[in-house]
Amino acid sequence: MKGGMQGMLKQVQKMQAEMQRVQSELVNMTVSQEAGGGMIKATANGNKELVSVEIDPQVINAAEKEILEDLVVAAVNKALQAAAKLAEDEMAKVTKGMIPPGLNIPGF
């Protein structure tokens, strides 16, 4: 039994090291999402941080400021959701079923 526990401990340590590697790489992975038919584009990284926002010059109109703001919010929210999914997918590659689905562990 002792060998089994040591083997499992080594496997957990290996998984932790791999997860740390993936987490450090997530900052360089990006996802982009659009709103308003592509008029607003938001890009976020795998750390769920907004990296950039692009606004088509055609939609910059002081009279439609609220519409523009709503589109920016929509694009940013989509990008952050995609970044969360990216991080989840990358971590799932590391854990390979070791963490049961639905088990919500922060950082995994």
PDB file of N, CA and C in Angstrom:
ATOM      1  N   MET A   1       0.830  -1.192   0.000  1.00  0.00           N
ATOM      2  CA  MET A   1       0.000   0.000   0.000  1.00  0.00           C
ATOM      3  C   MET A   1       0.870   1.250   0.000  1.00  0.00           C
ATOM      4  N   LYS A   2       2.019   1.185   0.703  1.00  0.00           N
ATOM      5  CA  LYS A   2       2.878   2.345   0.786  1.00  0.00           C
ATOM      6  C   LYS A   2       3.385   2.740  -0.601  1.00  0.00           C
ATOM      7  N   GLY A   3       3.779   1.772  -1.430  1.00  0.00           N
ATOM      8  CA  GLY A   3       4.235   2.067  -2.783  1.00  0.00           C
ATOM      9  C   GLY A   3       3.144   2.729  -3.603  1.00  0.00           C
ATOM     10  N   GLY A   4       1.908   2.305  -3.377  1.00  0.00           N
ATOM     11  CA  GLY A   4       0.775   2.892  -4.083  1.00  0.00           C
ATOM     12  C   GLY A   4       0.584   4.358  -3.708  1.00  0.00           C
ATOM     13  N   MET A   5       0.709   4.647  -2.430  1.00  0.00           N
ATOM     14  CA  MET A   5       0.562   6.031  -1.968  1.00  0.00           C
ATOM     15  C   MET A   5       1.699   6.904  -2.495  1.00  0.00           C
ATOM     16  N   GLN A   6       2.925   6.372  -2.484  1.00  0.00           N
ATOM     17  CA  GLN A   6       4.055   7.145  -2.996  1.00  0.00           C
ATOM     18  C   GLN A   6       3.899   7.390  -4.486  1.00  0.00           C
ATOM     19  N   GLY A   7       3.427   6.383  -5.193  1.00  0.00           N
ATOM     20  CA  GLY A   7       3.201   6.527  -6.625  1.00  0.00           C
ATOM     21  C   GLY A   7       2.134   7.576  -6.907  1.00  0.00           C
ATOM     22  N   MET A   8       1.068   7.541  -6.106  1.00  0.00           N
ATOM     23  CA  MET A   8       0.004   8.519  -6.285  1.00  0.00           C
ATOM     24  C   MET A   8       0.512   9.923  -5.936  1.00  0.00           C
ATOM     25  N   LEU A   9       1.314  10.044  -4.898  1.00  0.00           N
ATOM     26  CA  LEU A   9       1.865  11.340  -4.505  1.00  0.00           C
ATOM     27  C   LEU A   9       2.754  11.892  -5.618  1.00  0.00           C
ATOM     28  N   LYS A  10       3.571  11.027  -6.213  1.00  0.00           N
ATOM     29  CA  LYS A  10       4.419  11.468  -7.319  1.00  0.00           C
ATOM     30  C   LYS A  10       3.567  11.918  -8.501  1.00  0.00           C
ATOM     31  N   GLN A  11       2.488  11.206  -8.753  1.00  0.00           N
ATOM     32  CA  GLN A  11       1.605  11.574  -9.863  1.00  0.00           C
ATOM     33  C   GLN A  11       0.954  12.938  -9.591  1.00  0.00           C
ATOM     34  N   VAL A  12       0.531  13.168  -8.364  1.00  0.00           N
ATOM     35  CA  VAL A  12      -0.073  14.450  -8.000  1.00  0.00           C
ATOM     36  C   VAL A  12       0.958  15.571  -8.119  1.00  0.00           C
ATOM     37  N   GLN A  13       2.183  15.323  -7.668  1.00  0.00           N
ATOM     38  CA  GLN A  13       3.231  16.334  -7.778  1.00  0.00           C
ATOM     39  C   GLN A  13       3.539  16.652  -9.236  1.00  0.00           C
ATOM     40  N   LYS A  14       3.560  15.630 -10.066  1.00  0.00           N
ATOM     41  CA  LYS A  14       3.799  15.834 -11.494  1.00  0.00           C
ATOM     42  C   LYS A  14       2.671  16.658 -12.101  1.00  0.00           C
ATOM     43  N   MET A  15       1.424  16.338 -11.721  1.00  0.00           N
ATOM     44  CA  MET A  15       0.280  17.082 -12.230  1.00  0.00           C
ATOM     45  C   MET A  15       0.343  18.540 -11.773  1.00  0.00           C
ATOM     46  N   GLN A  16       0.735  18.783 -10.531  1.00  0.00           N
ATOM     47  CA  GLN A  16       0.843  20.156 -10.029  1.00  0.00           C
ATOM     48  C   GLN A  16       1.889  20.937 -10.818  1.00  0.00           C
ATOM     49  N   ALA A  17       3.015  20.320 -11.105  1.00  0.00           N
ATOM     50  CA  ALA A  17       4.066  20.990 -11.877  1.00  0.00           C
ATOM     51  C   ALA A  17       3.571  21.310 -13.290  1.00  0.00           C
ATOM     52  N   GLU A  18       2.865  20.359 -13.877  1.00  0.00           N
ATOM     53  CA  GLU A  18       2.319  20.567 -15.220  1.00  0.00           C
ATOM     54  C   GLU A  18       1.266  21.673 -15.215  1.00  0.00           C
ATOM     55  N   MET A  19       0.453  21.721 -14.172  1.00  0.00           N
ATOM     56  CA  MET A  19      -0.564  22.773 -14.065  1.00  0.00           C
ATOM     57  C   MET A  19       0.090  24.144 -13.911  1.00  0.00           C
ATOM     58  N   GLN A  20       1.154  24.221 -13.159  1.00  0.00           N
ATOM     59  CA  GLN A  20       1.869  25.493 -13.015  1.00  0.00           C
ATOM     60  C   GLN A  20       2.450  25.929 -14.349  1.00  0.00           C
ATOM     61  N   ARG A  21       2.953  24.973 -15.128  1.00  0.00           N
ATOM     62  CA  ARG A  21       3.492  25.295 -16.448  1.00  0.00           C
ATOM     63  C   ARG A  21       2.395  25.844 -17.345  1.00  0.00           C
ATOM     64  N   VAL A  22       1.244  25.166 -17.341  1.00  0.00           N
ATOM     65  CA  VAL A  22       0.129  25.606 -18.182  1.00  0.00           C
ATOM     66  C   VAL A  22      -0.343  26.993 -17.752  1.00  0.00           C
ATOM     67  N   GLN A  23      -0.451  27.216 -16.452  1.00  0.00           N
ATOM     68  CA  GLN A  23      -0.887  28.523 -15.962  1.00  0.00           C
ATOM     69  C   GLN A  23       0.068  29.624 -16.410  1.00  0.00           C
ATOM     70  N   SER A  24       1.363  29.355 -16.423  1.00  0.00           N
ATOM     71  CA  SER A  24       2.315  30.373 -16.857  1.00  0.00           C
ATOM     72  C   SER A  24       2.229  30.612 -18.369  1.00  0.00           C
ATOM     73  N   GLU A  25       1.794  29.602 -19.117  1.00  0.00           N
ATOM     74  CA  GLU A  25       1.646  29.759 -20.567  1.00  0.00           C
ATOM     75  C   GLU A  25       0.337  30.437 -20.958  1.00  0.00           C
ATOM     76  N   LEU A  26      -0.666  30.362 -20.105  1.00  0.00           N
ATOM     77  CA  LEU A  26      -1.973  30.933 -20.423  1.00  0.00           C
ATOM     78  C   LEU A  26      -1.913  32.434 -20.678  1.00  0.00           C
ATOM     79  N   VAL A  27      -0.982  33.116 -20.044  1.00  0.00           N
ATOM     80  CA  VAL A  27      -0.877  34.565 -20.244  1.00  0.00           C
ATOM     81  C   VAL A  27      -0.551  34.899 -21.702  1.00  0.00           C
ATOM     82  N   ASN A  28       0.092  33.972 -22.409  1.00  0.00           N
ATOM     83  CA  ASN A  28       0.467  34.208 -23.805  1.00  0.00           C
ATOM     84  C   ASN A  28      -0.567  33.688 -24.796  1.00  0.00           C
ATOM     85  N   MET A  29      -1.592  32.992 -24.313  1.00  0.00           N
ATOM     86  CA  MET A  29      -2.653  32.490 -25.180  1.00  0.00           C
ATOM     87  C   MET A  29      -3.785  33.513 -25.195  1.00  0.00           C
ATOM     88  N   THR A  30      -4.304  33.817 -26.377  1.00  0.00           N
ATOM     89  CA  THR A  30      -5.369  34.802 -26.457  1.00  0.00           C
ATOM     90  C   THR A  30      -6.570  34.261 -27.235  1.00  0.00           C
ATOM     91  N   VAL A  31      -7.715  34.824 -26.923  1.00  0.00           N
ATOM     92  CA  VAL A  31      -8.949  34.562 -27.652  1.00  0.00           C
ATOM     93  C   VAL A  31      -9.587  35.910 -27.951  1.00  0.00           C
ATOM     94  N   SER A  32     -10.243  35.991 -29.106  1.00  0.00           N
ATOM     95  CA  SER A  32     -10.922  37.231 -29.496  1.00  0.00           C
ATOM     96  C   SER A  32     -12.387  36.928 -29.765  1.00  0.00           C
ATOM     97  N   GLN A  33     -13.227  37.878 -29.413  1.00  0.00           N
ATOM     98  CA  GLN A  33     -14.656  37.768 -29.661  1.00  0.00           C
ATOM     99  C   GLN A  33     -15.153  39.109 -30.184  1.00  0.00           C
ATOM    100  N   GLU A  34     -16.228  39.041 -30.972  1.00  0.00           N
ATOM    101  CA  GLU A  34     -16.760  40.247 -31.597  1.00  0.00           C
ATOM    102  C   GLU A  34     -18.190  40.493 -31.168  1.00  0.00           C
ATOM    103  N   ALA A  35     -18.623  41.740 -31.327  1.00  0.00           N
ATOM    104  CA  ALA A  35     -20.009  42.124 -31.094  1.00  0.00           C
ATOM    105  C   ALA A  35     -20.385  43.128 -32.171  1.00  0.00           C
ATOM    106  N   GLY A  36     -21.682  43.271 -32.395  1.00  0.00           N
ATOM    107  CA  GLY A  36     -22.134  44.228 -33.398  1.00  0.00           C
ATOM    108  C   GLY A  36     -21.702  43.861 -34.797  1.00  0.00           C
ATOM    109  N   GLY A  37     -21.721  42.570 -35.109  1.00  0.00           N
ATOM    110  CA  GLY A  37     -21.336  42.133 -36.446  1.00  0.00           C
ATOM    111  C   GLY A  37     -19.872  42.399 -36.763  1.00  0.00           C
ATOM    112  N   GLY A  38     -19.030  42.369 -35.754  1.00  0.00           N
ATOM    113  CA  GLY A  38     -17.597  42.573 -35.970  1.00  0.00           C
ATOM    114  C   GLY A  38     -17.146  44.018 -35.809  1.00  0.00           C
ATOM    115  N   MET A  39     -18.072  44.897 -35.446  1.00  0.00           N
ATOM    116  CA  MET A  39     -17.698  46.308 -35.282  1.00  0.00           C
ATOM    117  C   MET A  39     -16.834  46.526 -34.041  1.00  0.00           C
ATOM    118  N   ILE A  40     -17.014  45.660 -33.047  1.00  0.00           N
ATOM    119  CA  ILE A  40     -16.229  45.729 -31.817  1.00  0.00           C
ATOM    120  C   ILE A  40     -15.570  44.374 -31.620  1.00  0.00           C
ATOM    121  N   LYS A  41     -14.270  44.388 -31.368  1.00  0.00           N
ATOM    122  CA  LYS A  41     -13.534  43.147 -31.145  1.00  0.00           C
ATOM    123  C   LYS A  41     -12.751  43.280 -29.840  1.00  0.00           C
ATOM    124  N   ALA A  42     -12.913  42.296 -28.963  1.00  0.00           N
ATOM    125  CA  ALA A  42     -12.191  42.277 -27.693  1.00  0.00           C
ATOM    126  C   ALA A  42     -11.314  41.033 -27.647  1.00  0.00           C
ATOM    127  N   THR A  43     -10.108  41.205 -27.141  1.00  0.00           N
ATOM    128  CA  THR A  43      -9.170  40.097 -27.018  1.00  0.00           C
ATOM    129  C   THR A  43      -8.763  39.967 -25.554  1.00  0.00           C
ATOM    130  N   ALA A  44      -8.813  38.735 -25.047  1.00  0.00           N
ATOM    131  CA  ALA A  44      -8.425  38.453 -23.668  1.00  0.00           C
ATOM    132  C   ALA A  44      -7.404  37.325 -23.672  1.00  0.00           C
ATOM    133  N   ASN A  45      -6.596  37.270 -22.610  1.00  0.00           N
ATOM    134  CA  ASN A  45      -5.626  36.179 -22.516  1.00  0.00           C
ATOM    135  C   ASN A  45      -6.159  35.072 -21.620  1.00  0.00           C
ATOM    136  N   GLY A  46      -5.410  34.007 -21.529  1.00  0.00           N
ATOM    137  CA  GLY A  46      -5.823  32.858 -20.741  1.00  0.00           C
ATOM    138  C   GLY A  46      -5.867  33.103 -19.250  1.00  0.00           C
ATOM    139  N   ASN A  47      -5.344  34.240 -18.812  1.00  0.00           N
ATOM    140  CA  ASN A  47      -5.455  34.622 -17.401  1.00  0.00           C
ATOM    141  C   ASN A  47      -6.719  35.434 -17.157  1.00  0.00           C
ATOM    142  N   LYS A  48      -7.588  35.474 -18.173  1.00  0.00           N
ATOM    143  CA  LYS A  48      -8.871  36.176 -18.104  1.00  0.00           C
ATOM    144  C   LYS A  48      -8.673  37.680 -17.931  1.00  0.00           C
ATOM    145  N   GLU A  49      -7.651  38.213 -18.603  1.00  0.00           N
ATOM    146  CA  GLU A  49      -7.375  39.650 -18.597  1.00  0.00           C
ATOM    147  C   GLU A  49      -7.648  40.205 -19.987  1.00  0.00           C
ATOM    148  N   LEU A  50      -8.287  41.356 -20.046  1.00  0.00           N
ATOM    149  CA  LEU A  50      -8.535  42.015 -21.312  1.00  0.00           C
ATOM    150  C   LEU A  50      -7.212  42.530 -21.856  1.00  0.00           C
ATOM    151  N   VAL A  51      -6.896  42.177 -23.102  1.00  0.00           N
ATOM    152  CA  VAL A  51      -5.630  42.569 -23.721  1.00  0.00           C
ATOM    153  C   VAL A  51      -5.827  43.755 -24.659  1.00  0.00           C
ATOM    154  N   SER A  52      -6.921  43.720 -25.441  1.00  0.00           N
ATOM    155  CA  SER A  52      -7.169  44.830 -26.360  1.00  0.00           C
ATOM    156  C   SER A  52      -8.637  44.908 -26.735  1.00  0.00           C
ATOM    157  N   VAL A  53      -9.022  46.099 -27.193  1.00  0.00           N
ATOM    158  CA  VAL A  53     -10.352  46.343 -27.735  1.00  0.00           C
ATOM    159  C   VAL A  53     -10.158  47.106 -29.033  1.00  0.00           C
ATOM    160  N   GLU A  54     -10.786  46.622 -30.100  1.00  0.00           N
ATOM    161  CA  GLU A  54     -10.718  47.296 -31.394  1.00  0.00           C
ATOM    162  C   GLU A  54     -12.122  47.778 -31.745  1.00  0.00           C
ATOM    163  N   ILE A  55     -12.226  49.022 -32.165  1.00  0.00           N
ATOM    164  CA  ILE A  55     -13.516  49.611 -32.519  1.00  0.00           C
ATOM    165  C   ILE A  55     -13.440  50.096 -33.953  1.00  0.00           C
ATOM    166  N   ASP A  56     -14.363  49.623 -34.775  1.00  0.00           N
ATOM    167  CA  ASP A  56     -14.443  50.063 -36.162  1.00  0.00           C
ATOM    168  C   ASP A  56     -14.770  51.557 -36.159  1.00  0.00           C
ATOM    169  N   PRO A  57     -13.977  52.373 -36.854  1.00  0.00           N
ATOM    170  CA  PRO A  57     -14.211  53.824 -36.861  1.00  0.00           C
ATOM    171  C   PRO A  57     -15.627  54.216 -37.301  1.00  0.00           C
ATOM    172  N   GLN A  58     -16.285  53.372 -38.063  1.00  0.00           N
ATOM    173  CA  GLN A  58     -17.639  53.674 -38.526  1.00  0.00           C
ATOM    174  C   GLN A  58     -18.652  53.766 -37.387  1.00  0.00           C
ATOM    175  N   VAL A  59     -18.381  53.115 -36.281  1.00  0.00           N
ATOM    176  CA  VAL A  59     -19.351  53.120 -35.182  1.00  0.00           C
ATOM    177  C   VAL A  59     -19.085  54.208 -34.160  1.00  0.00           C
ATOM    178  N   ILE A  60     -18.050  54.979 -34.377  1.00  0.00           N
ATOM    179  CA  ILE A  60     -17.751  56.059 -33.434  1.00  0.00           C
ATOM    180  C   ILE A  60     -18.604  57.266 -33.812  1.00  0.00           C
ATOM    181  N   ASN A  61     -19.668  57.436 -33.048  1.00  0.00           N
ATOM    182  CA  ASN A  61     -20.632  58.498 -33.287  1.00  0.00           C
ATOM    183  C   ASN A  61     -21.119  58.959 -31.923  1.00  0.00           C
ATOM    184  N   ALA A  62     -20.882  60.207 -31.589  1.00  0.00           N
ATOM    185  CA  ALA A  62     -21.245  60.726 -30.272  1.00  0.00           C
ATOM    186  C   ALA A  62     -22.730  60.539 -29.974  1.00  0.00           C
ATOM    187  N   ALA A  63     -23.567  60.578 -30.998  1.00  0.00           N
ATOM    188  CA  ALA A  63     -25.009  60.430 -30.796  1.00  0.00           C
ATOM    189  C   ALA A  63     -25.383  59.001 -30.407  1.00  0.00           C
ATOM    190  N   GLU A  64     -24.518  58.043 -30.706  1.00  0.00           N
ATOM    191  CA  GLU A  64     -24.806  56.643 -30.405  1.00  0.00           C
ATOM    192  C   GLU A  64     -23.836  56.076 -29.370  1.00  0.00           C
ATOM    193  N   LYS A  65     -23.427  56.927 -28.452  1.00  0.00           N
ATOM    194  CA  LYS A  65     -22.458  56.562 -27.424  1.00  0.00           C
ATOM    195  C   LYS A  65     -22.914  55.350 -26.613  1.00  0.00           C
ATOM    196  N   GLU A  66     -24.175  55.314 -26.206  1.00  0.00           N
ATOM    197  CA  GLU A  66     -24.673  54.215 -25.379  1.00  0.00           C
ATOM    198  C   GLU A  66     -24.652  52.890 -26.133  1.00  0.00           C
ATOM    199  N   ILE A  67     -24.959  52.912 -27.412  1.00  0.00           N
ATOM    200  CA  ILE A  67     -24.914  51.696 -28.220  1.00  0.00           C
ATOM    201  C   ILE A  67     -23.481  51.181 -28.288  1.00  0.00           C
ATOM    202  N   LEU A  68     -22.543  52.085 -28.520  1.00  0.00           N
ATOM    203  CA  LEU A  68     -21.122  51.709 -28.583  1.00  0.00           C
ATOM    204  C   LEU A  68     -20.673  51.104 -27.255  1.00  0.00           C
ATOM    205  N   GLU A  69     -21.063  51.732 -26.167  1.00  0.00           N
ATOM    206  CA  GLU A  69     -20.682  51.210 -24.855  1.00  0.00           C
ATOM    207  C   GLU A  69     -21.258  49.813 -24.630  1.00  0.00           C
ATOM    208  N   ASP A  70     -22.506  49.593 -25.031  1.00  0.00           N
ATOM    209  CA  ASP A  70     -23.125  48.275 -24.890  1.00  0.00           C
ATOM    210  C   ASP A  70     -22.398  47.229 -25.724  1.00  0.00           C
ATOM    211  N   LEU A  71     -21.993  47.603 -26.938  1.00  0.00           N
ATOM    212  CA  LEU A  71     -21.271  46.671 -27.798  1.00  0.00           C
ATOM    213  C   LEU A  71     -19.901  46.321 -27.210  1.00  0.00           C
ATOM    214  N   VAL A  72     -19.229  47.310 -26.621  1.00  0.00           N
ATOM    215  CA  VAL A  72     -17.932  47.055 -25.995  1.00  0.00           C
ATOM    216  C   VAL A  72     -18.103  46.081 -24.829  1.00  0.00           C
ATOM    217  N   VAL A  73     -19.100  46.317 -24.005  1.00  0.00           N
ATOM    218  CA  VAL A  73     -19.362  45.419 -22.875  1.00  0.00           C
ATOM    219  C   VAL A  73     -19.647  43.999 -23.380  1.00  0.00           C
ATOM    220  N   ALA A  74     -20.459  43.888 -24.420  1.00  0.00           N
ATOM    221  CA  ALA A  74     -20.797  42.567 -24.965  1.00  0.00           C
ATOM    222  C   ALA A  74     -19.555  41.854 -25.485  1.00  0.00           C
ATOM    223  N   ALA A  75     -18.726  42.556 -26.235  1.00  0.00           N
ATOM    224  CA  ALA A  75     -17.517  41.941 -26.785  1.00  0.00           C
ATOM    225  C   ALA A  75     -16.549  41.533 -25.677  1.00  0.00           C
ATOM    226  N   VAL A  76     -16.385  42.383 -24.682  1.00  0.00           N
ATOM    227  CA  VAL A  76     -15.475  42.072 -23.573  1.00  0.00           C
ATOM    228  C   VAL A  76     -15.981  40.862 -22.802  1.00  0.00           C
ATOM    229  N   ASN A  77     -17.272  40.820 -22.513  1.00  0.00           N
ATOM    230  CA  ASN A  77     -17.820  39.669 -21.791  1.00  0.00           C
ATOM    231  C   ASN A  77     -17.639  38.383 -22.575  1.00  0.00           C
ATOM    232  N   LYS A  78     -17.863  38.423 -23.884  1.00  0.00           N
ATOM    233  CA  LYS A  78     -17.657  37.239 -24.710  1.00  0.00           C
ATOM    234  C   LYS A  78     -16.195  36.801 -24.676  1.00  0.00           C
ATOM    235  N   ALA A  79     -15.272  37.761 -24.767  1.00  0.00           N
ATOM    236  CA  ALA A  79     -13.845  37.429 -24.751  1.00  0.00           C
ATOM    237  C   ALA A  79     -13.433  36.835 -23.410  1.00  0.00           C
ATOM    238  N   LEU A  80     -13.935  37.383 -22.320  1.00  0.00           N
ATOM    239  CA  LEU A  80     -13.586  36.858 -21.000  1.00  0.00           C
ATOM    240  C   LEU A  80     -14.166  35.460 -20.795  1.00  0.00           C
ATOM    241  N   GLN A  81     -15.368  35.211 -21.308  1.00  0.00           N
ATOM    242  CA  GLN A  81     -15.944  33.872 -21.229  1.00  0.00           C
ATOM    243  C   GLN A  81     -15.114  32.883 -22.052  1.00  0.00           C
ATOM    244  N   ALA A  82     -14.680  33.323 -23.232  1.00  0.00           N
ATOM    245  CA  ALA A  82     -13.848  32.459 -24.072  1.00  0.00           C
ATOM    246  C   ALA A  82     -12.503  32.200 -23.402  1.00  0.00           C
ATOM    247  N   ALA A  83     -11.961  33.208 -22.715  1.00  0.00           N
ATOM    248  CA  ALA A  83     -10.687  33.033 -22.003  1.00  0.00           C
ATOM    249  C   ALA A  83     -10.846  32.041 -20.858  1.00  0.00           C
ATOM    250  N   ALA A  84     -11.960  32.112 -20.155  1.00  0.00           N
ATOM    251  CA  ALA A  84     -12.220  31.162 -19.067  1.00  0.00           C
ATOM    252  C   ALA A  84     -12.320  29.743 -19.622  1.00  0.00           C
ATOM    253  N   LYS A  85     -12.987  29.593 -20.753  1.00  0.00           N
ATOM    254  CA  LYS A  85     -13.117  28.277 -21.403  1.00  0.00           C
ATOM    255  C   LYS A  85     -11.751  27.770 -21.855  1.00  0.00           C
ATOM    256  N   LEU A  86     -10.929  28.670 -22.409  1.00  0.00           N
ATOM    257  CA  LEU A  86      -9.571  28.306 -22.830  1.00  0.00           C
ATOM    258  C   LEU A  86      -8.774  27.782 -21.639  1.00  0.00           C
ATOM    259  N   ALA A  87      -8.813  28.512 -20.530  1.00  0.00           N
ATOM    260  CA  ALA A  87      -8.073  28.100 -19.339  1.00  0.00           C
ATOM    261  C   ALA A  87      -8.583  26.753 -18.826  1.00  0.00           C
ATOM    262  N   GLU A  88      -9.903  26.590 -18.822  1.00  0.00           N
ATOM    263  CA  GLU A  88     -10.496  25.327 -18.372  1.00  0.00           C
ATOM    264  C   GLU A  88     -10.058  24.170 -19.263  1.00  0.00           C
ATOM    265  N   ASP A  89     -10.082  24.392 -20.576  1.00  0.00           N
ATOM    266  CA  ASP A  89      -9.687  23.341 -21.518  1.00  0.00           C
ATOM    267  C   ASP A  89      -8.211  22.975 -21.371  1.00  0.00           C
ATOM    268  N   GLU A  90      -7.366  23.975 -21.197  1.00  0.00           N
ATOM    269  CA  GLU A  90      -5.934  23.715 -21.050  1.00  0.00           C
ATOM    270  C   GLU A  90      -5.647  22.959 -19.758  1.00  0.00           C
ATOM    271  N   MET A  91      -6.332  23.299 -18.678  1.00  0.00           N
ATOM    272  CA  MET A  91      -6.133  22.592 -17.415  1.00  0.00           C
ATOM    273  C   MET A  91      -6.685  21.170 -17.495  1.00  0.00           C
ATOM    274  N   ALA A  92      -7.776  20.991 -18.238  1.00  0.00           N
ATOM    275  CA  ALA A  92      -8.360  19.658 -18.387  1.00  0.00           C
ATOM    276  C   ALA A  92      -7.381  18.719 -19.085  1.00  0.00           C
ATOM    277  N   LYS A  93      -6.563  19.269 -19.981  1.00  0.00           N
ATOM    278  CA  LYS A  93      -5.554  18.449 -20.648  1.00  0.00           C
ATOM    279  C   LYS A  93      -4.546  17.908 -19.636  1.00  0.00           C
ATOM    280  N   VAL A  94      -4.272  18.702 -18.621  1.00  0.00           N
ATOM    281  CA  VAL A  94      -3.288  18.306 -17.611  1.00  0.00           C
ATOM    282  C   VAL A  94      -3.883  17.288 -16.641  1.00  0.00           C
ATOM    283  N   THR A  95      -5.101  17.543 -16.198  1.00  0.00           N
ATOM    284  CA  THR A  95      -5.682  16.677 -15.173  1.00  0.00           C
ATOM    285  C   THR A  95      -6.189  15.360 -15.745  1.00  0.00           C
ATOM    286  N   LYS A  96      -6.500  15.300 -17.027  1.00  0.00           N
ATOM    287  CA  LYS A  96      -6.900  14.075 -17.725  1.00  0.00           C
ATOM    288  C   LYS A  96      -7.808  13.182 -16.882  1.00  0.00           C
ATOM    289  N   GLY A  97      -8.908  13.745 -16.411  1.00  0.00           N
ATOM    290  CA  GLY A  97      -9.885  12.957 -15.687  1.00  0.00           C
ATOM    291  C   GLY A  97      -9.571  12.720 -14.224  1.00  0.00           C
ATOM    292  N   MET A  98      -8.485  13.267 -13.726  1.00  0.00           N
ATOM    293  CA  MET A  98      -8.156  13.057 -12.311  1.00  0.00           C
ATOM    294  C   MET A  98      -9.096  13.845 -11.407  1.00  0.00           C
ATOM    295  N   ILE A  99      -9.643  14.952 -11.936  1.00  0.00           N
ATOM    296  CA  ILE A  99     -10.599  15.736 -11.168  1.00  0.00           C
ATOM    297  C   ILE A  99     -11.962  15.490 -11.801  1.00  0.00           C
ATOM    298  N   PRO A 100     -12.895  14.937 -11.052  1.00  0.00           N
ATOM    299  CA  PRO A 100     -14.206  14.595 -11.614  1.00  0.00           C
ATOM    300  C   PRO A 100     -14.938  15.829 -12.139  1.00  0.00           C
ATOM    301  N   PRO A 101     -15.697  15.686 -13.248  1.00  0.00           N
ATOM    302  CA  PRO A 101     -16.477  16.801 -13.778  1.00  0.00           C
ATOM    303  C   PRO A 101     -17.446  17.316 -12.715  1.00  0.00           C
ATOM    304  N   GLY A 102     -17.609  18.622 -12.669  1.00  0.00           N
ATOM    305  CA  GLY A 102     -18.530  19.221 -11.730  1.00  0.00           C
ATOM    306  C   GLY A 102     -17.897  19.563 -10.387  1.00  0.00           C
ATOM    307  N   LEU A 103     -16.706  19.027 -10.124  1.00  0.00           N
ATOM    308  CA  LEU A 103     -15.998  19.349  -8.903  1.00  0.00           C
ATOM    309  C   LEU A 103     -15.330  20.695  -9.098  1.00  0.00           C
ATOM    310  N   ASN A 104     -15.789  21.697  -8.419  1.00  0.00           N
ATOM    311  CA  ASN A 104     -15.310  23.056  -8.627  1.00  0.00           C
ATOM    312  C   ASN A 104     -14.168  23.355  -7.671  1.00  0.00           C
ATOM    313  N   ILE A 105     -12.958  23.253  -8.177  1.00  0.00           N
ATOM    314  CA  ILE A 105     -11.764  23.556  -7.384  1.00  0.00           C
ATOM    315  C   ILE A 105     -11.140  24.808  -7.991  1.00  0.00           C
ATOM    316  N   PRO A 106     -11.028  25.896  -7.230  1.00  0.00           N
ATOM    317  CA  PRO A 106     -10.457  27.135  -7.774  1.00  0.00           C
ATOM    318  C   PRO A 106      -9.083  26.884  -8.386  1.00  0.00           C
ATOM    319  N   GLY A 107      -8.886  27.467  -9.580  1.00  0.00           N
ATOM    320  CA  GLY A 107      -7.609  27.325 -10.257  1.00  0.00           C
ATOM    321  C   GLY A 107      -7.517  26.121 -11.161  1.00  0.00           C
ATOM    322  N   PHE A 108      -8.554  25.284 -11.178  1.00  0.00           N
ATOM    323  CA  PHE A 108      -8.527  24.087 -12.025  1.00  0.00           C
ATOM    324  C   PHE A 108      -9.543  24.228 -13.123  1.00  0.00           C
TER     325      PHE A 108
END
